[in-house]
Amino acid sequence: MDDRERYDKGMSRRRKVLGNAWVDKATAGKTPLNDEFQDFISRYAWGEIWTRTHFDERTRRILVIGSMVALGHWDEFRLHVRAAMTEGGFTATDIKEILMQQAIYCGVPAANHAFKEAADVMKEIGKAL
């Protein structure tokens, strides 16, 4: 697969996982500073990793949400919680269970903050528990 095919495959998966509105916003915000980075993540994060066949999309979403809690990357956490609930069929209970699991492995303070961020996202999209 060449870079163009990888990019196209990546953009297709990126749109499926995050939704067209989010990807359109990200691509509209390209600048000379970040355009190569946007291309890079489309080709590699989305075109190489998210398209691998071993794990299904749901499992990958769970892994990403959990990783963002562990790392404290709250903007990405919110993005992936929103996408999981609006594009991936996740429920508020699904998110709660991910966060309960992460509370043990990432710590109560991280999970406490994650519950706050997730609740804000759920309120914004009208899917609160």
Protein backbone atom coordinates (compact mmCIF):
# COMPACT_ATOMS: atom_id res chain seq x y z
CA MET A 1 0.00 0.00 0.00
CA ASP A 2 1.40 3.42 -0.90
CA ASP A 3 1.01 6.61 1.15
CA ARG A 4 -2.00 7.81 -0.87
CA GLU A 5 -3.88 4.57 -0.31
CA ARG A 6 -2.90 4.61 3.37
CA TYR A 7 -4.14 8.20 3.68
CA ASP A 8 -7.46 7.41 1.94
CA LYS A 9 -7.98 4.30 4.06
CA GLY A 10 -7.08 6.30 7.17
CA MET A 11 -9.44 9.16 6.38
CA SER A 12 -12.24 6.68 5.79
CA ARG A 13 -11.65 5.04 9.19
CA ARG A 14 -11.13 8.40 10.89
CA ARG A 15 -14.51 9.59 9.59
CA LYS A 16 -16.20 6.35 10.67
CA VAL A 17 -14.77 6.52 14.19
CA LEU A 18 -14.91 10.27 14.89
CA GLY A 19 -17.71 11.37 12.57
CA ASN A 20 -17.65 13.61 9.52
CA ALA A 21 -18.26 16.83 11.46
CA TRP A 22 -15.19 16.36 13.65
CA VAL A 23 -12.91 15.36 10.77
CA ASP A 24 -14.20 18.22 8.62
CA LYS A 25 -13.43 20.62 11.48
CA ALA A 26 -9.92 19.18 11.90
CA THR A 27 -9.12 19.34 8.18
CA ALA A 28 -10.57 22.85 7.86
CA GLY A 29 -8.19 23.91 10.63
CA LYS A 30 -5.10 22.81 8.72
CA THR A 31 -2.35 25.40 8.60
CA PRO A 32 1.18 25.42 7.23
CA LEU A 33 2.26 24.52 10.77
CA ASN A 34 0.05 21.43 11.26
CA ASP A 35 -0.82 20.17 7.77
CA GLU A 36 1.96 17.57 7.70
CA PHE A 37 0.92 16.37 11.15
CA GLN A 38 -2.71 15.99 10.03
CA ASP A 39 -1.52 13.98 7.04
CA PHE A 40 0.73 11.89 9.30
CA ILE A 41 -2.03 10.94 11.76
CA SER A 42 -4.42 10.14 8.91
CA ARG A 43 -1.87 7.80 7.34
CA TYR A 44 -0.43 6.16 10.42
CA ALA A 45 -2.80 6.41 13.39
CA TRP A 46 -5.89 5.85 11.27
CA GLY A 47 -4.56 4.16 8.10
CA GLU A 48 -2.13 1.77 9.79
CA ILE A 49 -3.29 1.18 13.36
CA TRP A 50 -7.07 1.67 13.42
CA THR A 51 -7.46 -0.48 10.29
CA ARG A 52 -5.59 -3.50 11.66
CA THR A 53 -7.86 -6.51 11.87
CA HIS A 54 -6.90 -8.12 15.19
CA PHE A 55 -9.06 -5.92 17.43
CA ASP A 56 -12.51 -4.73 16.47
CA GLU A 57 -13.42 -1.06 16.56
CA ARG A 58 -15.21 -1.30 19.92
CA THR A 59 -12.12 -2.79 21.57
CA ARG A 60 -9.92 -0.08 20.06
CA ARG A 61 -12.28 2.61 21.38
CA ILE A 62 -12.09 1.11 24.88
CA LEU A 63 -8.30 0.99 24.71
CA VAL A 64 -8.07 4.62 23.60
CA ILE A 65 -10.47 5.91 26.24
CA GLY A 66 -8.62 3.99 28.94
CA SER A 67 -5.25 5.20 27.68
CA MET A 68 -6.38 8.81 27.69
CA VAL A 69 -7.44 8.43 31.35
CA ALA A 70 -4.08 6.91 32.21
CA LEU A 71 -2.19 9.69 30.46
CA GLY A 72 -4.47 12.52 31.56
CA HIS A 73 -5.04 13.70 28.00
CA TRP A 74 -8.46 15.21 28.63
CA ASP A 75 -9.09 16.84 25.24
CA GLU A 76 -8.50 13.50 23.50
CA PHE A 77 -10.49 11.72 26.21
CA ARG A 78 -13.49 13.99 25.58
CA LEU A 79 -13.14 13.55 21.82
CA HIS A 80 -13.14 9.76 22.07
CA VAL A 81 -15.95 9.58 24.65
CA ARG A 82 -18.07 11.81 22.40
CA ALA A 83 -17.23 9.74 19.33
CA ALA A 84 -17.85 6.44 21.13
CA MET A 85 -21.31 7.62 22.15
CA THR A 86 -22.32 9.37 18.94
CA GLU A 87 -20.63 7.19 16.33
CA GLY A 88 -19.77 3.94 18.10
CA GLY A 89 -22.99 2.95 19.85
CA PHE A 90 -21.57 3.24 23.38
CA THR A 91 -23.92 4.02 26.24
CA ALA A 92 -23.28 6.03 29.36
CA THR A 93 -23.08 2.71 31.20
CA ASP A 94 -20.33 1.53 28.83
CA ILE A 95 -18.31 4.64 29.62
CA LYS A 96 -18.95 4.22 33.34
CA GLU A 97 -17.63 0.66 33.24
CA ILE A 98 -14.47 1.72 31.41
CA LEU A 99 -13.87 4.38 34.05
CA MET A 100 -14.52 1.99 36.93
CA GLN A 101 -11.89 -0.35 35.47
CA GLN A 102 -9.45 2.53 35.01
CA ALA A 103 -9.98 3.68 38.61
CA ILE A 104 -8.17 0.54 39.75
CA TYR A 105 -5.29 0.74 37.29
CA CYS A 106 -4.90 4.51 36.84
CA GLY A 107 -5.95 5.68 40.29
CA VAL A 108 -8.98 7.24 41.85
CA PRO A 109 -7.96 10.87 41.11
CA ALA A 110 -7.65 10.12 37.38
CA ALA A 111 -10.98 8.30 37.32
CA ASN A 112 -12.64 11.03 39.37
CA HIS A 113 -11.58 13.61 36.81
CA ALA A 114 -12.58 11.31 33.95
CA PHE A 115 -16.09 10.95 35.39
CA LYS A 116 -16.39 14.75 35.48
CA GLU A 117 -15.18 15.11 31.89
CA ALA A 118 -17.41 12.26 30.67
CA ALA A 119 -20.45 13.75 32.42
CA ASP A 120 -19.80 17.08 30.70
CA VAL A 121 -19.58 15.36 27.30
CA MET A 122 -22.76 13.37 27.96
CA LYS A 123 -24.61 16.53 28.95
CA GLU A 124 -23.40 18.30 25.79
CA ILE A 125 -24.65 15.49 23.54
CA GLY A 126 -27.83 14.82 25.52
CA LYS A 127 -26.93 11.27 26.57
CA ALA A 128 -26.44 11.54 30.31
CA LEU A 129 -27.06 8.53 32.51
